[in-house]
Amino acid sequence: MELRRKGEWVGKLEADFNFPDLMVIEDIEIRNDFQSTDSFMASIMQPKEKRCYRGQGLGTVLLKLAIGTGKKKNLKRICGSIVRKDVDRTPDLIEFYERHGFKKISSYPSCLADAIAYICLDLSSI
């Protein structure tokens, strides 16, 4: 799923469907041209006019779209792995998911081994 404003990419959610009943959120990203980068090529390819769309509710919009998609496809659960670099970038990430009904769990099929937390939403409860 991708969000665009005036044809410009501002946010995306990548997910994998592990049918018959599971969606795995792989990444939610909101455009922030001000993030520091370790890559020289990435730093010179930054747009001339830098923009940040974080903190405007776009992650919530994307997550609600994913939940709606999961319900339409009659999935039972939406799960995801949270890794250290994501928490470093977004310290309240686990709380973000919990505000949307996700619960911390011990693991799920195809979870990332290097994750620091796993989250899951039971779609039958909403």
C-alpha atoms as a PDB file:
ATOM      1  CA  MET A   1       0.000   0.000   0.000  1.00  0.00           C
ATOM      2  CA  GLU A   2       1.287   3.418  -0.850  1.00  0.00           C
ATOM      3  CA  LEU A   3       0.193   6.950   0.001  1.00  0.00           C
ATOM      4  CA  ARG A   4       0.859   9.759  -2.450  1.00  0.00           C
ATOM      5  CA  ARG A   5       0.343  13.510  -2.246  1.00  0.00           C
ATOM      6  CA  LYS A   6       0.278  15.401  -5.533  1.00  0.00           C
ATOM      7  CA  GLY A   7       1.900  12.393  -7.205  1.00  0.00           C
ATOM      8  CA  GLU A   8       4.707  12.291  -4.649  1.00  0.00           C
ATOM      9  CA  TRP A   9       5.390   9.263  -2.431  1.00  0.00           C
ATOM     10  CA  VAL A  10       4.746  10.105   1.237  1.00  0.00           C
ATOM     11  CA  GLY A  11       4.236   6.710   2.899  1.00  0.00           C
ATOM     12  CA  LYS A  12       4.025   2.967   2.331  1.00  0.00           C
ATOM     13  CA  LEU A  13       3.158  -0.267   4.064  1.00  0.00           C
ATOM     14  CA  GLU A  14       4.674  -3.521   2.830  1.00  0.00           C
ATOM     15  CA  ALA A  15       2.996  -6.772   3.815  1.00  0.00           C
ATOM     16  CA  ASP A  16       3.123 -10.421   2.887  1.00  0.00           C
ATOM     17  CA  PHE A  17       0.063 -12.656   2.855  1.00  0.00           C
ATOM     18  CA  ASN A  18       0.694 -16.052   4.393  1.00  0.00           C
ATOM     19  CA  PHE A  19      -2.595 -17.546   3.373  1.00  0.00           C
ATOM     20  CA  PRO A  20      -4.990 -18.821   4.362  1.00  0.00           C
ATOM     21  CA  ASP A  21      -5.210 -16.663   7.467  1.00  0.00           C
ATOM     22  CA  LEU A  22      -2.204 -14.401   8.140  1.00  0.00           C
ATOM     23  CA  MET A  23      -0.908 -11.028   6.950  1.00  0.00           C
ATOM     24  CA  VAL A  24       2.652 -10.177   7.990  1.00  0.00           C
ATOM     25  CA  ILE A  25       3.542  -6.494   8.126  1.00  0.00           C
ATOM     26  CA  GLU A  26       7.067  -6.175   6.824  1.00  0.00           C
ATOM     27  CA  ASP A  27       7.503  -2.399   7.004  1.00  0.00           C
ATOM     28  CA  ILE A  28       5.669   0.879   7.466  1.00  0.00           C
ATOM     29  CA  GLU A  29       7.622   3.864   6.232  1.00  0.00           C
ATOM     30  CA  ILE A  30       6.692   7.536   6.238  1.00  0.00           C
ATOM     31  CA  ARG A  31       8.791   9.897   4.149  1.00  0.00           C
ATOM     32  CA  ASN A  32      11.325  11.901   6.134  1.00  0.00           C
ATOM     33  CA  ASP A  33      13.981  13.530   3.979  1.00  0.00           C
ATOM     34  CA  PHE A  34      15.704  14.849   7.111  1.00  0.00           C
ATOM     35  CA  GLN A  35      16.765  11.388   8.357  1.00  0.00           C
ATOM     36  CA  SER A  36      20.481  10.949   8.569  1.00  0.00           C
ATOM     37  CA  THR A  37      21.868   8.388   6.197  1.00  0.00           C
ATOM     38  CA  ASP A  38      25.091   6.426   6.127  1.00  0.00           C
ATOM     39  CA  SER A  39      25.018   6.178   2.341  1.00  0.00           C
ATOM     40  CA  PHE A  40      26.761   8.836   0.256  1.00  0.00           C
ATOM     41  CA  MET A  41      24.583   8.036  -2.781  1.00  0.00           C
ATOM     42  CA  ALA A  42      21.401   8.366  -0.735  1.00  0.00           C
ATOM     43  CA  SER A  43      22.564  11.709   0.654  1.00  0.00           C
ATOM     44  CA  ILE A  44      23.246  13.230  -2.797  1.00  0.00           C
ATOM     45  CA  MET A  45      19.982  11.874  -4.219  1.00  0.00           C
ATOM     46  CA  GLN A  46      17.859  13.704  -1.622  1.00  0.00           C
ATOM     47  CA  PRO A  47      15.267  16.023  -3.149  1.00  0.00           C
ATOM     48  CA  LYS A  48      16.172  19.717  -3.263  1.00  0.00           C
ATOM     49  CA  GLU A  49      13.121  20.575  -1.187  1.00  0.00           C
ATOM     50  CA  LYS A  50      13.228  18.330   1.856  1.00  0.00           C
ATOM     51  CA  ARG A  51       9.962  17.156   3.399  1.00  0.00           C
ATOM     52  CA  CYS A  52       8.874  15.238   6.442  1.00  0.00           C
ATOM     53  CA  TYR A  53       5.434  13.660   6.680  1.00  0.00           C
ATOM     54  CA  ARG A  54       5.977  11.930  10.014  1.00  0.00           C
ATOM     55  CA  GLY A  55       3.689  12.765  12.913  1.00  0.00           C
ATOM     56  CA  GLN A  56       0.693  13.519  10.693  1.00  0.00           C
ATOM     57  CA  GLY A  57      -1.243  10.268  11.172  1.00  0.00           C
ATOM     58  CA  LEU A  58      -0.150   8.625   7.915  1.00  0.00           C
ATOM     59  CA  GLY A  59       1.109   5.496   9.698  1.00  0.00           C
ATOM     60  CA  THR A  60      -2.340   5.167  11.267  1.00  0.00           C
ATOM     61  CA  VAL A  61      -3.986   5.544   7.848  1.00  0.00           C
ATOM     62  CA  LEU A  62      -1.771   2.818   6.390  1.00  0.00           C
ATOM     63  CA  LEU A  63      -2.335   0.491   9.341  1.00  0.00           C
ATOM     64  CA  LYS A  64      -6.120   0.965   9.125  1.00  0.00           C
ATOM     65  CA  LEU A  65      -5.965   0.187   5.386  1.00  0.00           C
ATOM     66  CA  ALA A  66      -4.048  -3.017   6.174  1.00  0.00           C
ATOM     67  CA  ILE A  67      -6.597  -3.988   8.828  1.00  0.00           C
ATOM     68  CA  GLY A  68      -9.461  -3.320   6.403  1.00  0.00           C
ATOM     69  CA  THR A  69      -7.740  -5.389   3.717  1.00  0.00           C
ATOM     70  CA  GLY A  70      -7.203  -8.232   6.179  1.00  0.00           C
ATOM     71  CA  LYS A  71     -10.863  -8.228   7.161  1.00  0.00           C
ATOM     72  CA  LYS A  72     -12.002  -8.168   3.497  1.00  0.00           C
ATOM     73  CA  LYS A  73      -9.780 -11.163   2.768  1.00  0.00           C
ATOM     74  CA  ASN A  74     -11.161 -12.981   5.839  1.00  0.00           C
ATOM     75  CA  LEU A  75      -7.745 -13.237   7.445  1.00  0.00           C
ATOM     76  CA  LYS A  76      -7.573 -14.225  11.099  1.00  0.00           C
ATOM     77  CA  ARG A  77      -4.468 -12.288  12.151  1.00  0.00           C
ATOM     78  CA  ILE A  78      -2.045  -9.521  11.248  1.00  0.00           C
ATOM     79  CA  CYS A  79       1.415  -9.944  12.756  1.00  0.00           C
ATOM     80  CA  GLY A  80       4.752  -8.200  12.568  1.00  0.00           C
ATOM     81  CA  SER A  81       8.306  -8.271  13.857  1.00  0.00           C
ATOM     82  CA  ILE A  82       9.829  -5.160  15.405  1.00  0.00           C
ATOM     83  CA  VAL A  83      13.588  -4.789  15.002  1.00  0.00           C
ATOM     84  CA  ARG A  84      16.013  -2.566  16.910  1.00  0.00           C
ATOM     85  CA  LYS A  85      16.623  -0.051  14.073  1.00  0.00           C
ATOM     86  CA  ASP A  86      12.868   0.648  13.817  1.00  0.00           C
ATOM     87  CA  VAL A  87      12.580   1.300  17.557  1.00  0.00           C
ATOM     88  CA  ASP A  88      15.693   3.503  17.406  1.00  0.00           C
ATOM     89  CA  ARG A  89      14.010   5.553  14.661  1.00  0.00           C
ATOM     90  CA  THR A  90      10.537   5.486  16.277  1.00  0.00           C
ATOM     91  CA  PRO A  91      10.856   4.925  20.048  1.00  0.00           C
ATOM     92  CA  ASP A  92       7.098   4.551  20.651  1.00  0.00           C
ATOM     93  CA  LEU A  93       6.605   2.014  17.851  1.00  0.00           C
ATOM     94  CA  ILE A  94       5.375  -0.825  20.070  1.00  0.00           C
ATOM     95  CA  GLU A  95       2.927   1.559  21.755  1.00  0.00           C
ATOM     96  CA  PHE A  96       1.736   2.699  18.300  1.00  0.00           C
ATOM     97  CA  TYR A  97       0.723  -0.861  17.459  1.00  0.00           C
ATOM     98  CA  GLU A  98      -0.819  -1.407  20.901  1.00  0.00           C
ATOM     99  CA  ARG A  99      -2.981   1.720  20.454  1.00  0.00           C
ATOM    100  CA  HIS A 100      -4.398   0.015  17.359  1.00  0.00           C
ATOM    101  CA  GLY A 101      -5.265  -3.214  19.157  1.00  0.00           C
ATOM    102  CA  PHE A 102      -2.089  -5.232  18.558  1.00  0.00           C
ATOM    103  CA  LYS A 103      -0.723  -7.351  21.404  1.00  0.00           C
ATOM    104  CA  LYS A 104       2.849  -8.425  22.065  1.00  0.00           C
ATOM    105  CA  ILE A 105       3.285 -12.167  21.468  1.00  0.00           C
ATOM    106  CA  SER A 106       6.145 -14.657  21.774  1.00  0.00           C
ATOM    107  CA  SER A 107       6.429 -15.452  18.028  1.00  0.00           C
ATOM    108  CA  TYR A 108       4.491 -16.366  14.880  1.00  0.00           C
ATOM    109  CA  PRO A 109       5.168 -18.337  11.667  1.00  0.00           C
ATOM    110  CA  SER A 110       7.849 -16.638   9.525  1.00  0.00           C
ATOM    111  CA  CYS A 111       8.795 -14.094  12.218  1.00  0.00           C
ATOM    112  CA  LEU A 112      12.216 -12.432  12.080  1.00  0.00           C
ATOM    113  CA  ALA A 113      14.754 -14.117  14.333  1.00  0.00           C
ATOM    114  CA  ASP A 114      16.516 -10.812  15.139  1.00  0.00           C
ATOM    115  CA  ALA A 115      13.345  -9.021  16.251  1.00  0.00           C
ATOM    116  CA  ILE A 116      13.166  -7.482  19.706  1.00  0.00           C
ATOM    117  CA  ALA A 117       9.354  -7.818  19.820  1.00  0.00           C
ATOM    118  CA  TYR A 118       6.532  -9.490  17.950  1.00  0.00           C
ATOM    119  CA  ILE A 119       3.049  -8.011  17.639  1.00  0.00           C
ATOM    120  CA  CYS A 120      -0.243  -9.496  16.474  1.00  0.00           C
ATOM    121  CA  LEU A 121      -3.819  -8.350  15.941  1.00  0.00           C
ATOM    122  CA  ASP A 122      -6.627 -10.908  16.131  1.00  0.00           C
ATOM    123  CA  LEU A 123      -9.017  -9.722  13.408  1.00  0.00           C
ATOM    124  CA  SER A 124     -11.893 -11.764  14.780  1.00  0.00           C
ATOM    125  CA  SER A 125     -11.884  -9.509  17.871  1.00  0.00           C
ATOM    126  CA  ILE A 126     -12.647  -6.335  15.887  1.00  0.00           C
END
